[in-house]
Amino acid sequence: MENRVLNQGSVEMSVVCSDLSLLESINSLLRQKGVIAVEDESGVLHYIVDGRSDRRSVAGRVTAINPAKTAEQEKQEAYLELCIKTVLREYGFDMALMGTMLIYKSIYISLKRCMPLPATMKSLYCETGKELGLSLEQSERNVRYAITKSSLKNMRSRAAIRCIQARIERRLGLRDPLD
C-alpha cells in the first residue's frame, strides 16, 4: 500500500490503493481546506466543496474559487464597499473601531453572498470575529461599544445592524425606498 503526497504549488494529491484509504484522504483534505480541486484528463478543474460543518460559508467558498474577477465584478464590489462605509459614517460609526469592522464585514459578506444575516447574533459574531481573531465575548463587546459611540446608541445590536443593512439595501436598489 502506497500513500504519498505530491505537492505542486497549492494542490495536494494523495496516491492510494484502496477505496477506504481514498475516502479517508479526501475526507481529511476536505476537513482541512474545505475545498478540493481535481483536474481531469482534458485539463478541466472539478471542485468538491465541503459544506458539512458550516453550510453558510459554502457559497463564499464556491465564489472564491474563481480568482479571475471581471472589471464589472470589481466595480460592483467597490460600490458595495463604498455604500456600506458611507452608511456607517452617516450613522456616526468610528471606522477605526474593531466593532465597526465586525459590522462592516458581516454586512459586506451577507450582501456579497446574497444571503440574509444569520438568525442569531452569536453566529454572526462567530463568523466575522473568527476572521479577525476575536472570541465571541470580544466580538459582542466590540460591536456593542461601536454602536454606543454611534447615533444608534439606544438600539440593540441586532436592530442596529438590521437598520444599517436596510439603508444600504435601499441605496443599492435592493429595497423599495418607501419601506
C-alpha atoms as a PDB file:
ATOM      1  CA  MET A   1       0.000   0.000   0.000  1.00  0.00           C
ATOM      2  CA  GLU A   2       1.481   3.298  -1.106  1.00  0.00           C
ATOM      3  CA  ASN A   3       0.370   6.611   0.308  1.00  0.00           C
ATOM      4  CA  ARG A   4       2.434   9.611  -0.632  1.00  0.00           C
ATOM      5  CA  VAL A   5       1.633  13.243  -1.053  1.00  0.00           C
ATOM      6  CA  LEU A   6       2.757  15.139  -4.134  1.00  0.00           C
ATOM      7  CA  ASN A   7       2.964  18.914  -3.715  1.00  0.00           C
ATOM      8  CA  GLN A   8       2.602  21.065  -6.783  1.00  0.00           C
ATOM      9  CA  GLY A   9       2.002  24.680  -5.790  1.00  0.00           C
ATOM     10  CA  SER A  10      -1.008  24.664  -3.515  1.00  0.00           C
ATOM     11  CA  VAL A  11      -2.504  21.467  -4.935  1.00  0.00           C
ATOM     12  CA  GLU A  12      -2.085  18.274  -2.951  1.00  0.00           C
ATOM     13  CA  MET A  13      -2.663  14.841  -4.396  1.00  0.00           C
ATOM     14  CA  SER A  14      -2.679  11.583  -2.480  1.00  0.00           C
ATOM     15  CA  VAL A  15      -1.983   8.292  -4.210  1.00  0.00           C
ATOM     16  CA  VAL A  16      -3.864   5.459  -2.519  1.00  0.00           C
ATOM     17  CA  CYS A  17      -4.559   1.829  -3.252  1.00  0.00           C
ATOM     18  CA  SER A  18      -7.883   1.028  -1.601  1.00  0.00           C
ATOM     19  CA  ASP A  19     -11.315   2.631  -1.631  1.00  0.00           C
ATOM     20  CA  LEU A  20     -11.316   3.179   2.128  1.00  0.00           C
ATOM     21  CA  SER A  21      -7.903   4.828   2.008  1.00  0.00           C
ATOM     22  CA  LEU A  22      -9.036   7.103  -0.827  1.00  0.00           C
ATOM     23  CA  LEU A  23     -12.140   8.177   1.081  1.00  0.00           C
ATOM     24  CA  GLU A  24     -10.125   8.856   4.238  1.00  0.00           C
ATOM     25  CA  SER A  25      -7.645  11.007   2.287  1.00  0.00           C
ATOM     26  CA  ILE A  26     -10.369  13.009   0.574  1.00  0.00           C
ATOM     27  CA  ASN A  27     -12.233  13.445   3.841  1.00  0.00           C
ATOM     28  CA  SER A  28      -9.138  14.711   5.672  1.00  0.00           C
ATOM     29  CA  LEU A  29      -8.323  17.178   2.875  1.00  0.00           C
ATOM     30  CA  LEU A  30     -11.904  18.455   2.889  1.00  0.00           C
ATOM     31  CA  ARG A  31     -11.795  18.921   6.666  1.00  0.00           C
ATOM     32  CA  GLN A  32      -8.520  20.854   6.438  1.00  0.00           C
ATOM     33  CA  LYS A  33      -9.194  23.107   3.447  1.00  0.00           C
ATOM     34  CA  GLY A  34     -12.930  22.932   2.802  1.00  0.00           C
ATOM     35  CA  VAL A  35     -12.481  22.554  -0.949  1.00  0.00           C
ATOM     36  CA  ILE A  36     -10.614  20.220  -3.310  1.00  0.00           C
ATOM     37  CA  ALA A  37      -9.890  20.807  -6.982  1.00  0.00           C
ATOM     38  CA  VAL A  38      -9.374  17.775  -9.227  1.00  0.00           C
ATOM     39  CA  GLU A  39      -8.160  18.162 -12.803  1.00  0.00           C
ATOM     40  CA  ASP A  40      -9.393  15.677 -15.377  1.00  0.00           C
ATOM     41  CA  GLU A  41      -7.512  14.459 -18.476  1.00  0.00           C
ATOM     42  CA  SER A  42      -8.654  17.396 -20.606  1.00  0.00           C
ATOM     43  CA  GLY A  43      -7.426  19.952 -18.055  1.00  0.00           C
ATOM     44  CA  VAL A  44     -10.837  20.936 -16.668  1.00  0.00           C
ATOM     45  CA  LEU A  45     -10.890  21.558 -12.919  1.00  0.00           C
ATOM     46  CA  HIS A  46     -13.708  19.994 -10.900  1.00  0.00           C
ATOM     47  CA  TYR A  47     -14.310  21.251  -7.381  1.00  0.00           C
ATOM     48  CA  ILE A  48     -15.540  19.334  -4.357  1.00  0.00           C
ATOM     49  CA  VAL A  49     -16.737  21.723  -1.651  1.00  0.00           C
ATOM     50  CA  ASP A  50     -17.319  20.596   1.935  1.00  0.00           C
ATOM     51  CA  GLY A  51     -20.463  22.042   3.475  1.00  0.00           C
ATOM     52  CA  ARG A  52     -20.920  19.603   6.340  1.00  0.00           C
ATOM     53  CA  SER A  53     -19.778  21.821   9.185  1.00  0.00           C
ATOM     54  CA  ASP A  54     -20.790  25.300   8.001  1.00  0.00           C
ATOM     55  CA  ARG A  55     -23.397  25.460   5.272  1.00  0.00           C
ATOM     56  CA  ARG A  56     -23.459  29.279   5.297  1.00  0.00           C
ATOM     57  CA  SER A  57     -19.880  29.637   4.080  1.00  0.00           C
ATOM     58  CA  VAL A  58     -20.199  27.196   1.152  1.00  0.00           C
ATOM     59  CA  ALA A  59     -21.482  29.904  -1.192  1.00  0.00           C
ATOM     60  CA  GLY A  60     -18.499  32.067  -0.302  1.00  0.00           C
ATOM     61  CA  ARG A  61     -16.076  29.238  -0.955  1.00  0.00           C
ATOM     62  CA  VAL A  62     -17.618  28.499  -4.329  1.00  0.00           C
ATOM     63  CA  THR A  63     -17.498  32.135  -5.423  1.00  0.00           C
ATOM     64  CA  ALA A  64     -13.948  32.496  -4.088  1.00  0.00           C
ATOM     65  CA  ILE A  65     -12.736  29.588  -6.240  1.00  0.00           C
ATOM     66  CA  ASN A  66     -12.658  31.655  -9.426  1.00  0.00           C
ATOM     67  CA  PRO A  67      -9.856  34.147  -8.747  1.00  0.00           C
ATOM     68  CA  ALA A  68     -10.248  35.955 -12.071  1.00  0.00           C
ATOM     69  CA  LYS A  69     -12.737  38.749 -11.468  1.00  0.00           C
ATOM     70  CA  THR A  70     -14.173  40.734 -14.282  1.00  0.00           C
ATOM     71  CA  ALA A  71     -13.951  44.505 -14.283  1.00  0.00           C
ATOM     72  CA  GLU A  72     -17.712  44.658 -13.695  1.00  0.00           C
ATOM     73  CA  GLN A  73     -17.441  42.443 -10.585  1.00  0.00           C
ATOM     74  CA  GLU A  74     -14.656  44.621  -9.211  1.00  0.00           C
ATOM     75  CA  LYS A  75     -16.769  47.747  -9.791  1.00  0.00           C
ATOM     76  CA  GLN A  76     -19.754  46.162  -8.034  1.00  0.00           C
ATOM     77  CA  GLU A  77     -17.629  45.149  -5.050  1.00  0.00           C
ATOM     78  CA  ALA A  78     -16.056  48.611  -4.833  1.00  0.00           C
ATOM     79  CA  TYR A  79     -19.508  50.220  -4.966  1.00  0.00           C
ATOM     80  CA  LEU A  80     -20.792  47.853  -2.277  1.00  0.00           C
ATOM     81  CA  GLU A  81     -17.819  48.733  -0.030  1.00  0.00           C
ATOM     82  CA  LEU A  82     -18.417  52.442  -0.642  1.00  0.00           C
ATOM     83  CA  CYS A  83     -22.140  52.159   0.185  1.00  0.00           C
ATOM     84  CA  ILE A  84     -21.515  50.277   3.414  1.00  0.00           C
ATOM     85  CA  LYS A  85     -18.801  52.665   4.595  1.00  0.00           C
ATOM     86  CA  THR A  86     -20.902  55.706   3.659  1.00  0.00           C
ATOM     87  CA  VAL A  87     -23.940  54.475   5.597  1.00  0.00           C
ATOM     88  CA  LEU A  88     -21.795  53.588   8.606  1.00  0.00           C
ATOM     89  CA  ARG A  89     -20.290  57.097   8.575  1.00  0.00           C
ATOM     90  CA  GLU A  90     -23.777  58.634   8.209  1.00  0.00           C
ATOM     91  CA  TYR A  91     -24.795  56.866  11.407  1.00  0.00           C
ATOM     92  CA  GLY A  92     -21.663  58.198  13.126  1.00  0.00           C
ATOM     93  CA  PHE A  93     -19.661  54.984  13.374  1.00  0.00           C
ATOM     94  CA  ASP A  94     -15.938  55.344  14.010  1.00  0.00           C
ATOM     95  CA  MET A  95     -14.275  53.325  11.240  1.00  0.00           C
ATOM     96  CA  ALA A  96     -11.202  52.732  13.419  1.00  0.00           C
ATOM     97  CA  LEU A  97     -13.151  50.669  15.973  1.00  0.00           C
ATOM     98  CA  MET A  98     -12.997  46.874  15.822  1.00  0.00           C
ATOM     99  CA  GLY A  99     -16.763  46.640  16.370  1.00  0.00           C
ATOM    100  CA  THR A 100     -17.371  48.800  13.314  1.00  0.00           C
ATOM    101  CA  MET A 101     -15.139  46.475  11.287  1.00  0.00           C
ATOM    102  CA  LEU A 102     -17.160  43.489  12.524  1.00  0.00           C
ATOM    103  CA  ILE A 103     -20.408  45.170  11.469  1.00  0.00           C
ATOM    104  CA  TYR A 104     -18.880  46.164   8.121  1.00  0.00           C
ATOM    105  CA  LYS A 105     -17.578  42.642   7.403  1.00  0.00           C
ATOM    106  CA  SER A 106     -20.818  40.911   8.366  1.00  0.00           C
ATOM    107  CA  ILE A 107     -22.948  43.196   6.191  1.00  0.00           C
ATOM    108  CA  TYR A 108     -20.464  43.022   3.307  1.00  0.00           C
ATOM    109  CA  ILE A 109     -20.371  39.215   3.387  1.00  0.00           C
ATOM    110  CA  SER A 110     -24.151  38.858   3.595  1.00  0.00           C
ATOM    111  CA  LEU A 111     -24.779  41.283   0.715  1.00  0.00           C
ATOM    112  CA  LYS A 112     -21.991  39.856  -1.445  1.00  0.00           C
ATOM    113  CA  ARG A 113     -23.291  36.303  -0.995  1.00  0.00           C
ATOM    114  CA  CYS A 114     -26.905  37.472  -1.420  1.00  0.00           C
ATOM    115  CA  MET A 115     -27.763  35.812   1.875  1.00  0.00           C
ATOM    116  CA  PRO A 116     -29.609  37.244   4.870  1.00  0.00           C
ATOM    117  CA  LEU A 117     -27.747  37.934   8.072  1.00  0.00           C
ATOM    118  CA  PRO A 118     -27.545  34.905  10.371  1.00  0.00           C
ATOM    119  CA  ALA A 119     -30.575  34.310  12.566  1.00  0.00           C
ATOM    120  CA  THR A 120     -28.678  34.905  15.809  1.00  0.00           C
ATOM    121  CA  MET A 121     -26.099  37.475  16.763  1.00  0.00           C
ATOM    122  CA  LYS A 122     -23.938  34.678  18.174  1.00  0.00           C
ATOM    123  CA  SER A 123     -23.452  33.066  14.762  1.00  0.00           C
ATOM    124  CA  LEU A 124     -22.767  36.497  13.274  1.00  0.00           C
ATOM    125  CA  TYR A 125     -20.100  37.223  15.889  1.00  0.00           C
ATOM    126  CA  CYS A 126     -18.544  33.778  15.494  1.00  0.00           C
ATOM    127  CA  GLU A 127     -18.308  34.034  11.711  1.00  0.00           C
ATOM    128  CA  THR A 128     -16.864  37.540  11.443  1.00  0.00           C
ATOM    129  CA  GLY A 129     -14.944  37.542  14.718  1.00  0.00           C
ATOM    130  CA  LYS A 130     -13.125  34.366  13.738  1.00  0.00           C
ATOM    131  CA  GLU A 131     -11.662  36.154  10.699  1.00  0.00           C
ATOM    132  CA  LEU A 132     -10.305  38.904  12.935  1.00  0.00           C
ATOM    133  CA  GLY A 133      -9.048  36.512  15.618  1.00  0.00           C
ATOM    134  CA  LEU A 134     -11.621  37.523  18.235  1.00  0.00           C
ATOM    135  CA  SER A 135     -13.566  35.383  20.657  1.00  0.00           C
ATOM    136  CA  LEU A 136     -17.351  35.522  20.900  1.00  0.00           C
ATOM    137  CA  GLU A 137     -17.249  37.707  24.014  1.00  0.00           C
ATOM    138  CA  GLN A 138     -14.733  40.120  22.474  1.00  0.00           C
ATOM    139  CA  SER A 139     -16.828  40.418  19.318  1.00  0.00           C
ATOM    140  CA  GLU A 140     -20.008  41.115  21.295  1.00  0.00           C
ATOM    141  CA  ARG A 141     -18.299  43.746  23.419  1.00  0.00           C
ATOM    142  CA  ASN A 142     -16.674  45.455  20.423  1.00  0.00           C
ATOM    143  CA  VAL A 143     -19.937  45.652  18.458  1.00  0.00           C
ATOM    144  CA  ARG A 144     -21.861  46.991  21.488  1.00  0.00           C
ATOM    145  CA  TYR A 145     -19.171  49.618  22.062  1.00  0.00           C
ATOM    146  CA  ALA A 146     -19.185  50.716  18.405  1.00  0.00           C
ATOM    147  CA  ILE A 147     -22.980  51.043  18.470  1.00  0.00           C
ATOM    148  CA  THR A 148     -22.952  53.085  21.701  1.00  0.00           C
ATOM    149  CA  LYS A 149     -20.465  55.512  20.129  1.00  0.00           C
ATOM    150  CA  SER A 150     -22.725  55.989  17.061  1.00  0.00           C
ATOM    151  CA  SER A 151     -26.053  57.756  16.632  1.00  0.00           C
ATOM    152  CA  LEU A 152     -27.781  54.364  17.067  1.00  0.00           C
ATOM    153  CA  LYS A 153     -26.688  54.193  20.733  1.00  0.00           C
ATOM    154  CA  ASN A 154     -30.168  53.423  22.072  1.00  0.00           C
ATOM    155  CA  MET A 155     -30.701  50.388  19.802  1.00  0.00           C
ATOM    156  CA  ARG A 156     -29.895  46.781  20.475  1.00  0.00           C
ATOM    157  CA  SER A 157     -27.134  45.254  18.340  1.00  0.00           C
ATOM    158  CA  ARG A 158     -29.419  43.161  16.116  1.00  0.00           C
ATOM    159  CA  ALA A 159     -31.815  46.058  15.475  1.00  0.00           C
ATOM    160  CA  ALA A 160     -28.954  48.441  14.700  1.00  0.00           C
ATOM    161  CA  ILE A 161     -27.373  46.045  12.195  1.00  0.00           C
ATOM    162  CA  ARG A 162     -30.738  45.401  10.524  1.00  0.00           C
ATOM    163  CA  CYS A 163     -31.324  49.164  10.293  1.00  0.00           C
ATOM    164  CA  ILE A 164     -27.905  49.700   8.697  1.00  0.00           C
ATOM    165  CA  GLN A 165     -28.403  46.825   6.272  1.00  0.00           C
ATOM    166  CA  ALA A 166     -31.870  48.057   5.256  1.00  0.00           C
ATOM    167  CA  ARG A 167     -30.484  51.519   4.479  1.00  0.00           C
ATOM    168  CA  ILE A 168     -27.664  50.013   2.413  1.00  0.00           C
ATOM    169  CA  GLU A 169     -30.124  47.798   0.514  1.00  0.00           C
ATOM    170  CA  ARG A 170     -32.276  50.846  -0.300  1.00  0.00           C
ATOM    171  CA  ARG A 171     -29.200  52.690  -1.502  1.00  0.00           C
ATOM    172  CA  LEU A 172     -28.202  49.717  -3.702  1.00  0.00           C
ATOM    173  CA  GLY A 173     -31.727  49.493  -5.115  1.00  0.00           C
ATOM    174  CA  LEU A 174     -32.438  46.124  -3.499  1.00  0.00           C
ATOM    175  CA  ARG A 175     -35.352  47.527  -1.468  1.00  0.00           C
ATOM    176  CA  ASP A 176     -38.181  49.891  -2.155  1.00  0.00           C
ATOM    177  CA  PRO A 177     -37.186  53.348  -0.819  1.00  0.00           C
ATOM    178  CA  LEU A 178     -40.624  53.736   0.792  1.00  0.00           C
ATOM    179  CA  ASP A 179     -40.288  50.636   3.000  1.00  0.00           C
END
